[in-house]
Amino acid sequence: MSTSVSIGPTLIRHEGHTPRERSSCGWRDRLISREDEAQSPAAWAHAVDIDGAKPHYHKRSTELYYVLDGEGTVSLDGKEHAVTKGSLVHIPPGVVHGAKGKMRVLVVGIPDIADDDYYLAEG
């Protein structure tokens, strides 16, 4: 019996060849993002230069932060956690989070990092 595996479209992106924009967390390079929606990627990925990410949360998206360079802190539901190059942070929906410091972070949003799923934390 033969098993069929469906493989979606592939994407290869290079830093500096993608849209760069100001975001709520700093400056981001959209590696896989809204312009790729038609290809139905499993996740979105942005490389972000953290610049005072205000406490916020998402109702739909899980985020993974992987620190590519630098160091700082990530706040998760009010508790500060030190992070450095090589740190990985898993942020489920509903967790209020923010970041401080000088760091470049690969942010993977599952299923996305859409602006309509960004809610500022009260307080």
N, C-alpha and C. Protein backbone atom coordinates (compact mmCIF):
# COMPACT_ATOMS: atom_id res chain seq x y z
N MET A 1 0.83 -1.17 0.00
CA MET A 1 0.00 0.00 0.00
C MET A 1 0.88 1.25 0.00
N SER A 2 0.59 2.17 -0.86
CA SER A 2 1.36 3.40 -1.02
C SER A 2 0.75 4.52 -0.17
N THR A 3 1.60 5.26 0.50
CA THR A 3 1.15 6.39 1.30
C THR A 3 1.51 7.67 0.57
N SER A 4 0.54 8.55 0.43
CA SER A 4 0.76 9.83 -0.24
C SER A 4 0.99 10.92 0.80
N VAL A 5 2.00 11.70 0.61
CA VAL A 5 2.29 12.82 1.51
C VAL A 5 2.16 14.10 0.72
N SER A 6 1.36 15.00 1.24
CA SER A 6 1.18 16.30 0.59
C SER A 6 2.21 17.28 1.13
N ILE A 7 2.98 17.83 0.24
CA ILE A 7 4.00 18.81 0.62
C ILE A 7 3.62 20.15 0.03
N GLY A 8 3.55 21.16 0.89
CA GLY A 8 3.17 22.50 0.45
C GLY A 8 4.32 23.20 -0.25
N PRO A 9 4.07 24.43 -0.65
CA PRO A 9 5.12 25.19 -1.34
C PRO A 9 6.30 25.46 -0.41
N THR A 10 7.46 25.54 -0.99
CA THR A 10 8.65 25.85 -0.21
C THR A 10 8.97 27.33 -0.34
N LEU A 11 9.65 27.86 0.68
CA LEU A 11 10.05 29.27 0.68
C LEU A 11 11.49 29.37 1.13
N ILE A 12 12.26 30.18 0.46
CA ILE A 12 13.61 30.51 0.91
C ILE A 12 13.70 32.02 0.94
N ARG A 13 14.04 32.55 2.08
CA ARG A 13 14.15 34.01 2.25
C ARG A 13 15.52 34.34 2.81
N HIS A 14 16.01 35.49 2.43
CA HIS A 14 17.31 35.96 2.92
C HIS A 14 17.12 37.30 3.62
N GLU A 15 17.71 37.42 4.78
CA GLU A 15 17.65 38.67 5.53
C GLU A 15 18.13 39.82 4.65
N GLY A 16 17.41 40.91 4.71
CA GLY A 16 17.74 42.06 3.87
C GLY A 16 16.99 42.08 2.55
N HIS A 17 16.38 40.95 2.18
CA HIS A 17 15.61 40.86 0.93
C HIS A 17 14.12 40.76 1.20
N THR A 18 13.71 41.08 2.41
CA THR A 18 12.31 40.98 2.81
C THR A 18 11.84 42.33 3.34
N PRO A 19 10.53 42.55 3.40
CA PRO A 19 10.03 43.82 3.93
C PRO A 19 10.48 44.03 5.38
N ARG A 20 10.94 45.25 5.69
CA ARG A 20 11.33 45.63 7.05
C ARG A 20 10.40 46.75 7.48
N GLU A 21 9.88 46.63 8.71
CA GLU A 21 8.93 47.63 9.17
C GLU A 21 9.00 47.79 10.67
N ARG A 22 8.47 48.91 11.13
CA ARG A 22 8.34 49.16 12.56
C ARG A 22 7.17 48.31 13.08
N SER A 23 7.37 47.66 14.20
CA SER A 23 6.30 46.89 14.82
C SER A 23 6.17 47.32 16.27
N SER A 24 5.24 46.72 16.97
CA SER A 24 5.04 47.06 18.37
C SER A 24 6.21 46.64 19.25
N CYS A 25 7.05 45.75 18.77
CA CYS A 25 8.17 45.26 19.55
C CYS A 25 9.52 45.83 19.14
N GLY A 26 9.58 46.49 18.00
CA GLY A 26 10.83 47.03 17.49
C GLY A 26 10.78 47.07 15.97
N TRP A 27 11.91 46.80 15.35
CA TRP A 27 11.97 46.71 13.88
C TRP A 27 11.98 45.25 13.49
N ARG A 28 11.13 44.90 12.52
CA ARG A 28 11.06 43.50 12.12
C ARG A 28 11.27 43.33 10.63
N ASP A 29 11.92 42.21 10.31
CA ASP A 29 12.05 41.75 8.93
C ASP A 29 11.05 40.61 8.78
N ARG A 30 10.09 40.76 7.87
CA ARG A 30 9.05 39.75 7.68
C ARG A 30 9.58 38.64 6.78
N LEU A 31 10.05 37.56 7.38
CA LEU A 31 10.63 36.46 6.62
C LEU A 31 9.54 35.60 5.98
N ILE A 32 8.56 35.21 6.77
CA ILE A 32 7.34 34.56 6.28
C ILE A 32 6.21 35.31 6.97
N SER A 33 5.31 35.89 6.19
CA SER A 33 4.32 36.77 6.81
C SER A 33 3.09 36.89 5.94
N ARG A 34 2.37 37.99 6.13
CA ARG A 34 1.07 38.18 5.48
C ARG A 34 1.13 38.10 3.95
N GLU A 35 2.25 38.46 3.35
CA GLU A 35 2.34 38.37 1.89
C GLU A 35 2.39 36.92 1.41
N ASP A 36 2.57 35.98 2.33
CA ASP A 36 2.64 34.56 1.98
C ASP A 36 1.35 33.80 2.32
N GLU A 37 0.31 34.50 2.75
CA GLU A 37 -0.92 33.84 3.18
C GLU A 37 -1.50 32.89 2.14
N ALA A 38 -1.42 33.24 0.88
CA ALA A 38 -1.99 32.40 -0.18
C ALA A 38 -1.32 31.03 -0.24
N GLN A 39 -0.09 30.93 0.26
CA GLN A 39 0.63 29.66 0.25
C GLN A 39 0.36 28.84 1.52
N SER A 40 -0.45 29.38 2.43
CA SER A 40 -0.85 28.70 3.67
C SER A 40 0.33 28.14 4.47
N PRO A 41 1.30 28.99 4.85
CA PRO A 41 2.41 28.48 5.67
C PRO A 41 1.89 28.05 7.05
N ALA A 42 2.55 27.10 7.65
CA ALA A 42 2.15 26.59 8.97
C ALA A 42 2.42 27.61 10.07
N ALA A 43 3.33 28.55 9.82
CA ALA A 43 3.69 29.56 10.81
C ALA A 43 4.25 30.78 10.09
N TRP A 44 4.25 31.89 10.78
CA TRP A 44 4.91 33.09 10.29
C TRP A 44 6.21 33.26 11.06
N ALA A 45 7.21 33.88 10.44
CA ALA A 45 8.50 34.10 11.10
C ALA A 45 9.00 35.50 10.79
N HIS A 46 9.37 36.21 11.84
CA HIS A 46 9.93 37.56 11.71
C HIS A 46 11.24 37.60 12.50
N ALA A 47 12.23 38.28 11.97
CA ALA A 47 13.45 38.58 12.73
C ALA A 47 13.24 39.99 13.28
N VAL A 48 13.31 40.13 14.61
CA VAL A 48 12.94 41.38 15.27
C VAL A 48 14.11 41.92 16.08
N ASP A 49 14.42 43.20 15.86
CA ASP A 49 15.35 43.91 16.72
C ASP A 49 14.51 44.53 17.83
N ILE A 50 14.57 43.93 19.03
CA ILE A 50 13.72 44.35 20.15
C ILE A 50 14.05 45.79 20.53
N ASP A 51 12.99 46.57 20.69
CA ASP A 51 13.12 47.98 21.07
C ASP A 51 11.93 48.34 21.97
N GLY A 52 11.95 47.83 23.20
CA GLY A 52 10.90 48.16 24.15
C GLY A 52 9.55 47.58 23.83
N ALA A 53 9.45 46.27 23.73
CA ALA A 53 8.18 45.61 23.45
C ALA A 53 7.24 45.78 24.64
N LYS A 54 6.13 46.47 24.43
CA LYS A 54 5.17 46.72 25.50
C LYS A 54 4.42 45.43 25.83
N PRO A 55 4.02 45.30 27.11
CA PRO A 55 3.27 44.09 27.49
C PRO A 55 1.99 43.94 26.66
N HIS A 56 1.83 42.77 26.08
CA HIS A 56 0.68 42.48 25.23
C HIS A 56 0.43 40.98 25.25
N TYR A 57 -0.65 40.57 24.60
CA TYR A 57 -0.94 39.15 24.50
C TYR A 57 -1.66 38.89 23.18
N HIS A 58 -1.80 37.63 22.86
CA HIS A 58 -2.49 37.19 21.66
C HIS A 58 -3.57 36.18 22.08
N LYS A 59 -4.71 36.24 21.47
CA LYS A 59 -5.79 35.29 21.78
C LYS A 59 -5.67 34.02 20.95
N ARG A 60 -5.06 34.12 19.77
CA ARG A 60 -5.02 33.00 18.82
C ARG A 60 -3.62 32.41 18.68
N SER A 61 -2.62 33.23 18.70
CA SER A 61 -1.28 32.78 18.31
C SER A 61 -0.40 32.35 19.48
N THR A 62 0.34 31.28 19.24
CA THR A 62 1.45 30.89 20.09
C THR A 62 2.69 31.53 19.47
N GLU A 63 3.59 32.03 20.31
CA GLU A 63 4.84 32.59 19.79
C GLU A 63 6.04 31.85 20.38
N LEU A 64 7.05 31.70 19.56
CA LEU A 64 8.35 31.22 19.99
C LEU A 64 9.34 32.34 19.76
N TYR A 65 10.09 32.71 20.78
CA TYR A 65 11.17 33.69 20.65
C TYR A 65 12.48 32.91 20.74
N TYR A 66 13.33 33.05 19.72
CA TYR A 66 14.67 32.47 19.77
C TYR A 66 15.65 33.62 19.65
N VAL A 67 16.47 33.82 20.68
CA VAL A 67 17.40 34.94 20.71
C VAL A 67 18.60 34.63 19.81
N LEU A 68 18.71 35.41 18.73
CA LEU A 68 19.80 35.23 17.77
C LEU A 68 21.07 35.93 18.23
N ASP A 69 20.89 37.09 18.88
CA ASP A 69 22.04 37.88 19.31
C ASP A 69 21.61 38.83 20.42
N GLY A 70 22.53 39.15 21.32
CA GLY A 70 22.26 40.10 22.37
C GLY A 70 21.71 39.45 23.62
N GLU A 71 21.15 40.31 24.49
CA GLU A 71 20.59 39.82 25.74
C GLU A 71 19.57 40.80 26.27
N GLY A 72 18.78 40.33 27.20
CA GLY A 72 17.76 41.18 27.80
C GLY A 72 16.87 40.36 28.70
N THR A 73 15.63 40.82 28.84
CA THR A 73 14.66 40.09 29.64
C THR A 73 13.36 39.95 28.86
N VAL A 74 12.66 38.87 29.13
CA VAL A 74 11.33 38.64 28.60
C VAL A 74 10.41 38.53 29.81
N SER A 75 9.34 39.29 29.79
CA SER A 75 8.36 39.26 30.86
C SER A 75 7.21 38.34 30.43
N LEU A 76 6.88 37.38 31.30
CA LEU A 76 5.78 36.45 31.04
C LEU A 76 4.82 36.52 32.22
N ASP A 77 3.63 37.05 31.98
CA ASP A 77 2.64 37.24 33.05
C ASP A 77 3.24 37.94 34.26
N GLY A 78 4.05 38.98 33.99
CA GLY A 78 4.60 39.81 35.05
C GLY A 78 5.91 39.33 35.66
N LYS A 79 6.39 38.15 35.30
CA LYS A 79 7.66 37.64 35.84
C LYS A 79 8.76 37.81 34.80
N GLU A 80 9.85 38.45 35.22
CA GLU A 80 10.98 38.70 34.32
C GLU A 80 11.90 37.47 34.23
N HIS A 81 12.33 37.18 33.00
CA HIS A 81 13.24 36.07 32.76
C HIS A 81 14.41 36.58 31.92
N ALA A 82 15.63 36.35 32.38
CA ALA A 82 16.82 36.75 31.62
C ALA A 82 16.97 35.83 30.41
N VAL A 83 17.31 36.42 29.26
CA VAL A 83 17.57 35.64 28.05
C VAL A 83 18.85 36.15 27.39
N THR A 84 19.54 35.26 26.74
CA THR A 84 20.76 35.59 26.01
C THR A 84 20.76 34.82 24.69
N LYS A 85 21.78 35.06 23.88
CA LYS A 85 21.90 34.36 22.62
C LYS A 85 21.72 32.85 22.84
N GLY A 86 20.81 32.25 22.07
CA GLY A 86 20.55 30.82 22.19
C GLY A 86 19.36 30.47 23.06
N SER A 87 18.77 31.47 23.74
CA SER A 87 17.59 31.20 24.58
C SER A 87 16.35 31.03 23.70
N LEU A 88 15.45 30.15 24.12
CA LEU A 88 14.17 29.94 23.46
C LEU A 88 13.07 30.14 24.48
N VAL A 89 12.05 30.92 24.09
CA VAL A 89 10.91 31.19 24.96
C VAL A 89 9.64 30.77 24.25
N HIS A 90 8.83 29.96 24.89
CA HIS A 90 7.53 29.51 24.36
C HIS A 90 6.45 30.34 25.03
N ILE A 91 5.59 31.02 24.24
CA ILE A 91 4.57 31.91 24.77
C ILE A 91 3.21 31.48 24.22
N PRO A 92 2.42 30.78 25.04
CA PRO A 92 1.08 30.35 24.60
C PRO A 92 0.11 31.51 24.49
N PRO A 93 -1.01 31.33 23.79
CA PRO A 93 -2.03 32.37 23.73
C PRO A 93 -2.49 32.75 25.14
N GLY A 94 -2.76 34.05 25.32
CA GLY A 94 -3.25 34.54 26.60
C GLY A 94 -2.19 34.97 27.58
N VAL A 95 -0.92 34.59 27.37
CA VAL A 95 0.15 34.99 28.27
C VAL A 95 0.59 36.41 27.93
N VAL A 96 0.52 37.30 28.92
CA VAL A 96 0.97 38.68 28.72
C VAL A 96 2.50 38.66 28.69
N HIS A 97 3.05 39.24 27.63
CA HIS A 97 4.50 39.21 27.47
C HIS A 97 5.03 40.51 26.89
N GLY A 98 6.30 40.74 27.13
CA GLY A 98 7.01 41.89 26.60
C GLY A 98 8.49 41.58 26.69
N ALA A 99 9.32 42.47 26.16
CA ALA A 99 10.76 42.22 26.17
C ALA A 99 11.51 43.54 26.29
N LYS A 100 12.66 43.48 26.96
CA LYS A 100 13.54 44.64 27.11
C LYS A 100 14.97 44.19 26.85
N GLY A 101 15.78 45.12 26.39
CA GLY A 101 17.18 44.83 26.16
C GLY A 101 17.55 45.07 24.72
N LYS A 102 18.79 44.78 24.41
CA LYS A 102 19.27 44.89 23.03
C LYS A 102 19.46 43.48 22.52
N MET A 103 18.52 43.04 21.70
CA MET A 103 18.63 41.69 21.17
C MET A 103 17.90 41.57 19.84
N ARG A 104 18.37 40.65 19.05
CA ARG A 104 17.72 40.28 17.80
C ARG A 104 17.10 38.92 18.04
N VAL A 105 15.81 38.82 17.75
CA VAL A 105 15.05 37.63 18.09
C VAL A 105 14.32 37.11 16.85
N LEU A 106 14.38 35.81 16.63
CA LEU A 106 13.54 35.18 15.63
C LEU A 106 12.22 34.89 16.32
N VAL A 107 11.14 35.51 15.84
CA VAL A 107 9.82 35.31 16.42
C VAL A 107 9.01 34.47 15.44
N VAL A 108 8.60 33.30 15.90
CA VAL A 108 7.78 32.41 15.09
C VAL A 108 6.37 32.42 15.69
N GLY A 109 5.40 32.80 14.88
CA GLY A 109 4.01 32.83 15.30
C GLY A 109 3.27 31.65 14.70
N ILE A 110 2.59 30.89 15.55
CA ILE A 110 1.86 29.72 15.11
C ILE A 110 0.39 29.95 15.43
N PRO A 111 -0.49 30.14 14.50
CA PRO A 111 -0.28 30.04 13.06
C PRO A 111 0.27 31.32 12.42
N ASP A 112 0.24 32.46 13.12
CA ASP A 112 0.69 33.70 12.49
C ASP A 112 1.11 34.72 13.54
N ILE A 113 1.49 35.89 13.09
CA ILE A 113 1.82 37.03 13.95
C ILE A 113 1.02 38.21 13.40
N ALA A 114 -0.27 38.04 13.33
CA ALA A 114 -1.12 39.04 12.67
C ALA A 114 -1.44 40.21 13.60
N ASP A 115 -1.53 41.40 13.01
CA ASP A 115 -1.82 42.60 13.78
C ASP A 115 -3.20 42.55 14.43
N ASP A 116 -4.15 41.79 13.87
CA ASP A 116 -5.47 41.73 14.46
C ASP A 116 -5.55 40.78 15.67
N ASP A 117 -4.42 40.17 16.04
CA ASP A 117 -4.36 39.31 17.22
C ASP A 117 -3.38 39.89 18.24
N TYR A 118 -3.30 41.20 18.31
CA TYR A 118 -2.40 41.90 19.23
C TYR A 118 -3.26 42.73 20.18
N TYR A 119 -3.12 42.47 21.48
CA TYR A 119 -3.91 43.17 22.48
C TYR A 119 -2.98 43.73 23.56
N LEU A 120 -2.98 45.04 23.74
CA LEU A 120 -2.18 45.65 24.80
C LEU A 120 -2.72 45.21 26.15
N ALA A 121 -1.80 44.90 27.06
CA ALA A 121 -2.20 44.52 28.41
C ALA A 121 -2.63 45.76 29.18
N GLU A 122 -3.65 45.63 29.96
CA GLU A 122 -4.12 46.76 30.77
C GLU A 122 -3.24 46.89 32.00
N GLY A 123 -3.13 48.13 32.46
CA GLY A 123 -2.37 48.32 33.68
C GLY A 123 -1.42 49.36 33.61
